[in-house]
N, C-alpha and C. Protein backbone atom coordinates (compact mmCIF):
# COMPACT_ATOMS: atom_id res chain seq x y z
N MET A 1 28.14 -25.86 8.36
CA MET A 1 27.73 -25.67 9.73
C MET A 1 26.21 -25.64 9.86
N CYS A 2 25.50 -25.18 8.82
CA CYS A 2 24.04 -25.19 8.79
C CYS A 2 23.38 -24.33 9.86
N LEU A 3 23.75 -23.08 9.92
CA LEU A 3 23.08 -22.14 10.80
C LEU A 3 21.88 -21.55 10.09
N ALA A 4 20.90 -21.06 10.85
CA ALA A 4 19.81 -20.31 10.23
C ALA A 4 20.36 -18.95 9.83
N ILE A 5 19.94 -18.46 8.66
CA ILE A 5 20.51 -17.24 8.11
C ILE A 5 19.39 -16.39 7.50
N PRO A 6 19.44 -15.07 7.66
CA PRO A 6 18.41 -14.23 7.07
C PRO A 6 18.64 -14.00 5.58
N ALA A 7 17.53 -13.95 4.82
CA ALA A 7 17.59 -13.69 3.39
C ALA A 7 16.32 -12.94 2.99
N ARG A 8 16.40 -12.21 1.87
CA ARG A 8 15.27 -11.40 1.39
C ARG A 8 14.47 -12.19 0.36
N VAL A 9 13.16 -12.16 0.50
CA VAL A 9 12.26 -12.81 -0.45
C VAL A 9 12.22 -11.95 -1.72
N VAL A 10 12.55 -12.56 -2.86
CA VAL A 10 12.55 -11.82 -4.13
C VAL A 10 11.46 -12.29 -5.08
N GLU A 11 10.86 -13.44 -4.79
CA GLU A 11 9.81 -13.96 -5.66
C GLU A 11 8.96 -14.95 -4.88
N LEU A 12 7.65 -14.92 -5.12
CA LEU A 12 6.74 -15.90 -4.55
C LEU A 12 6.22 -16.79 -5.67
N GLU A 13 6.24 -18.09 -5.45
CA GLU A 13 5.74 -19.06 -6.42
C GLU A 13 4.54 -19.76 -5.82
N ASP A 14 3.82 -20.51 -6.64
CA ASP A 14 2.69 -21.28 -6.15
C ASP A 14 3.16 -22.37 -5.19
N GLY A 15 2.25 -22.78 -4.31
CA GLY A 15 2.53 -23.91 -3.44
C GLY A 15 3.46 -23.63 -2.29
N ASN A 16 3.38 -22.44 -1.70
CA ASN A 16 4.20 -22.09 -0.53
C ASN A 16 5.69 -22.13 -0.81
N ILE A 17 6.08 -21.78 -2.02
CA ILE A 17 7.50 -21.73 -2.38
C ILE A 17 7.87 -20.28 -2.67
N ALA A 18 9.04 -19.88 -2.21
CA ALA A 18 9.56 -18.54 -2.49
C ALA A 18 11.01 -18.66 -2.94
N VAL A 19 11.47 -17.64 -3.63
CA VAL A 19 12.88 -17.52 -3.97
C VAL A 19 13.44 -16.42 -3.09
N VAL A 20 14.53 -16.73 -2.39
CA VAL A 20 15.19 -15.74 -1.55
C VAL A 20 16.56 -15.44 -2.13
N ALA A 21 17.08 -14.26 -1.79
CA ALA A 21 18.40 -13.85 -2.29
C ALA A 21 19.25 -13.37 -1.12
N LEU A 22 20.54 -13.72 -1.21
CA LEU A 22 21.50 -13.28 -0.22
C LEU A 22 22.87 -13.23 -0.87
N GLU A 23 23.46 -12.03 -0.89
CA GLU A 23 24.81 -11.87 -1.45
C GLU A 23 24.92 -12.44 -2.86
N GLY A 24 23.89 -12.21 -3.69
CA GLY A 24 23.92 -12.66 -5.07
C GLY A 24 23.53 -14.11 -5.29
N VAL A 25 23.27 -14.85 -4.23
CA VAL A 25 22.86 -16.25 -4.34
C VAL A 25 21.34 -16.31 -4.18
N LYS A 26 20.67 -17.03 -5.08
CA LYS A 26 19.23 -17.22 -4.98
C LYS A 26 18.94 -18.68 -4.67
N LYS A 27 17.89 -18.89 -3.88
CA LYS A 27 17.53 -20.25 -3.48
C LYS A 27 16.02 -20.35 -3.33
N ARG A 28 15.45 -21.47 -3.81
CA ARG A 28 14.03 -21.76 -3.60
C ARG A 28 13.87 -22.38 -2.22
N ILE A 29 12.90 -21.86 -1.47
CA ILE A 29 12.64 -22.38 -0.12
C ILE A 29 11.14 -22.55 0.08
N SER A 30 10.79 -23.31 1.10
CA SER A 30 9.40 -23.43 1.51
C SER A 30 9.08 -22.32 2.50
N VAL A 31 7.92 -21.69 2.31
CA VAL A 31 7.45 -20.68 3.26
C VAL A 31 6.18 -21.16 3.96
N ALA A 32 5.96 -22.47 3.95
CA ALA A 32 4.75 -23.06 4.52
C ALA A 32 4.63 -22.81 6.03
N LEU A 33 5.74 -22.58 6.71
CA LEU A 33 5.73 -22.41 8.16
C LEU A 33 5.51 -20.97 8.61
N VAL A 34 5.48 -20.02 7.65
CA VAL A 34 5.39 -18.60 7.99
C VAL A 34 4.20 -17.99 7.25
N GLU A 35 3.39 -17.23 7.96
CA GLU A 35 2.21 -16.61 7.35
C GLU A 35 2.53 -15.23 6.79
N ASP A 36 1.76 -14.83 5.80
CA ASP A 36 1.78 -13.47 5.25
C ASP A 36 3.15 -13.04 4.72
N ILE A 37 3.79 -13.90 3.96
CA ILE A 37 5.08 -13.57 3.34
C ILE A 37 4.82 -12.72 2.10
N GLU A 38 5.60 -11.66 1.94
CA GLU A 38 5.51 -10.81 0.76
C GLU A 38 6.91 -10.61 0.19
N VAL A 39 6.96 -10.30 -1.11
CA VAL A 39 8.24 -9.97 -1.74
C VAL A 39 8.82 -8.77 -0.99
N GLY A 40 10.09 -8.84 -0.67
CA GLY A 40 10.77 -7.79 0.08
C GLY A 40 10.94 -8.10 1.55
N ASP A 41 10.16 -9.07 2.07
CA ASP A 41 10.32 -9.47 3.47
C ASP A 41 11.65 -10.17 3.66
N TYR A 42 12.16 -10.11 4.87
CA TYR A 42 13.33 -10.89 5.26
C TYR A 42 12.85 -12.04 6.11
N VAL A 43 13.38 -13.22 5.83
CA VAL A 43 13.03 -14.41 6.59
C VAL A 43 14.30 -15.11 7.06
N LEU A 44 14.19 -15.76 8.17
CA LEU A 44 15.29 -16.58 8.68
C LEU A 44 15.12 -17.96 8.08
N ILE A 45 16.13 -18.44 7.33
CA ILE A 45 16.01 -19.73 6.64
C ILE A 45 16.96 -20.76 7.24
N HIS A 46 16.50 -21.99 7.21
CA HIS A 46 17.31 -23.12 7.69
C HIS A 46 16.85 -24.36 6.95
N VAL A 47 17.78 -25.10 6.40
CA VAL A 47 17.56 -26.34 5.64
C VAL A 47 16.38 -26.25 4.66
N GLY A 48 16.29 -25.12 3.95
CA GLY A 48 15.29 -24.97 2.91
C GLY A 48 13.92 -24.49 3.35
N TYR A 49 13.79 -24.07 4.60
CA TYR A 49 12.52 -23.59 5.12
C TYR A 49 12.68 -22.20 5.73
N ALA A 50 11.68 -21.34 5.51
CA ALA A 50 11.61 -20.08 6.23
C ALA A 50 11.06 -20.39 7.62
N LEU A 51 11.77 -19.95 8.65
CA LEU A 51 11.32 -20.23 10.02
C LEU A 51 10.45 -19.10 10.58
N HIS A 52 10.84 -17.85 10.32
CA HIS A 52 10.03 -16.69 10.68
C HIS A 52 10.57 -15.44 10.01
N LYS A 53 9.72 -14.40 10.02
CA LYS A 53 10.13 -13.12 9.44
C LYS A 53 11.03 -12.38 10.42
N VAL A 54 11.96 -11.60 9.87
CA VAL A 54 12.79 -10.72 10.68
C VAL A 54 12.79 -9.35 10.02
N SER A 55 13.07 -8.32 10.80
CA SER A 55 13.13 -6.96 10.25
C SER A 55 14.39 -6.80 9.41
N PRO A 56 14.41 -5.85 8.50
CA PRO A 56 15.63 -5.59 7.73
C PRO A 56 16.82 -5.26 8.64
N GLU A 57 16.55 -4.55 9.73
CA GLU A 57 17.62 -4.20 10.67
C GLU A 57 18.17 -5.44 11.37
N GLU A 58 17.28 -6.33 11.79
CA GLU A 58 17.73 -7.57 12.44
C GLU A 58 18.50 -8.45 11.46
N ALA A 59 18.03 -8.49 10.21
CA ALA A 59 18.74 -9.27 9.19
C ALA A 59 20.15 -8.73 8.99
N ALA A 60 20.28 -7.41 8.85
CA ALA A 60 21.60 -6.79 8.64
C ALA A 60 22.51 -7.03 9.83
N ARG A 61 21.96 -6.89 11.03
CA ARG A 61 22.75 -7.10 12.25
C ARG A 61 23.23 -8.55 12.35
N THR A 62 22.35 -9.49 12.05
CA THR A 62 22.71 -10.90 12.10
C THR A 62 23.79 -11.24 11.08
N LEU A 63 23.63 -10.73 9.86
CA LEU A 63 24.63 -10.99 8.82
C LEU A 63 25.98 -10.38 9.19
N GLN A 64 25.96 -9.19 9.79
CA GLN A 64 27.21 -8.56 10.22
C GLN A 64 27.90 -9.40 11.29
N LEU A 65 27.14 -9.88 12.26
CA LEU A 65 27.71 -10.71 13.32
C LEU A 65 28.25 -12.03 12.77
N MET A 66 27.54 -12.60 11.82
CA MET A 66 28.01 -13.85 11.21
C MET A 66 29.30 -13.62 10.44
N ALA A 67 29.39 -12.48 9.74
CA ALA A 67 30.62 -12.15 9.01
C ALA A 67 31.78 -11.95 9.98
N GLU A 68 31.53 -11.24 11.08
CA GLU A 68 32.58 -11.00 12.08
C GLU A 68 33.05 -12.30 12.72
N ALA A 69 32.13 -13.24 12.88
CA ALA A 69 32.48 -14.53 13.49
C ALA A 69 33.14 -15.47 12.48
N GLY A 70 33.14 -15.07 11.21
CA GLY A 70 33.79 -15.88 10.19
C GLY A 70 32.97 -17.04 9.67
N VAL A 71 31.66 -17.02 9.88
CA VAL A 71 30.83 -18.14 9.43
C VAL A 71 29.94 -17.80 8.24
N LEU A 72 29.85 -16.52 7.88
CA LEU A 72 28.96 -16.13 6.79
C LEU A 72 29.38 -16.75 5.46
N SER A 73 30.65 -16.70 5.14
CA SER A 73 31.10 -17.23 3.84
C SER A 73 30.84 -18.73 3.74
N GLU A 74 31.00 -19.44 4.84
CA GLU A 74 30.73 -20.88 4.86
C GLU A 74 29.24 -21.16 4.60
N GLU A 75 28.38 -20.39 5.25
CA GLU A 75 26.94 -20.56 5.06
C GLU A 75 26.53 -20.21 3.64
N LEU A 76 27.11 -19.15 3.07
CA LEU A 76 26.81 -18.78 1.69
C LEU A 76 27.24 -19.87 0.72
N ALA A 77 28.37 -20.49 0.98
CA ALA A 77 28.84 -21.58 0.13
C ALA A 77 27.86 -22.75 0.16
N GLU A 78 27.35 -23.07 1.35
CA GLU A 78 26.38 -24.17 1.46
C GLU A 78 25.08 -23.84 0.75
N ILE A 79 24.64 -22.58 0.86
CA ILE A 79 23.42 -22.17 0.16
C ILE A 79 23.65 -22.23 -1.34
N GLY A 80 24.80 -21.77 -1.79
CA GLY A 80 25.12 -21.77 -3.21
C GLY A 80 25.16 -23.15 -3.82
N GLU A 81 25.53 -24.15 -3.05
CA GLU A 81 25.58 -25.53 -3.55
C GLU A 81 24.20 -26.05 -3.91
N SER A 82 23.17 -25.50 -3.27
CA SER A 82 21.81 -25.97 -3.55
C SER A 82 20.94 -24.82 -4.06
N ALA A 83 21.54 -23.88 -4.78
CA ALA A 83 20.85 -22.68 -5.24
C ALA A 83 19.75 -22.99 -6.24
N ALA A 84 18.83 -22.01 -6.36
CA ALA A 84 17.68 -22.14 -7.27
C ALA A 84 18.13 -22.13 -8.72
């Protein structure tokens, strides 16, 4: 389905690349579109790019709503297919 999904930044690499984690899945993404990213931040990701930062509360709320709607597992599967 390719929805934007929140994930936590767990590592910053050179060249505007970060590793994010969600439900045990890690993925390398571009953070070129978002300023001042730090390890521990939550970002909304879509097609391999961080779109903007979100609060931990907003990330948790979004993930809960996605799970209730039945789309979280599908999105996690898609992320896992292209994991870091």
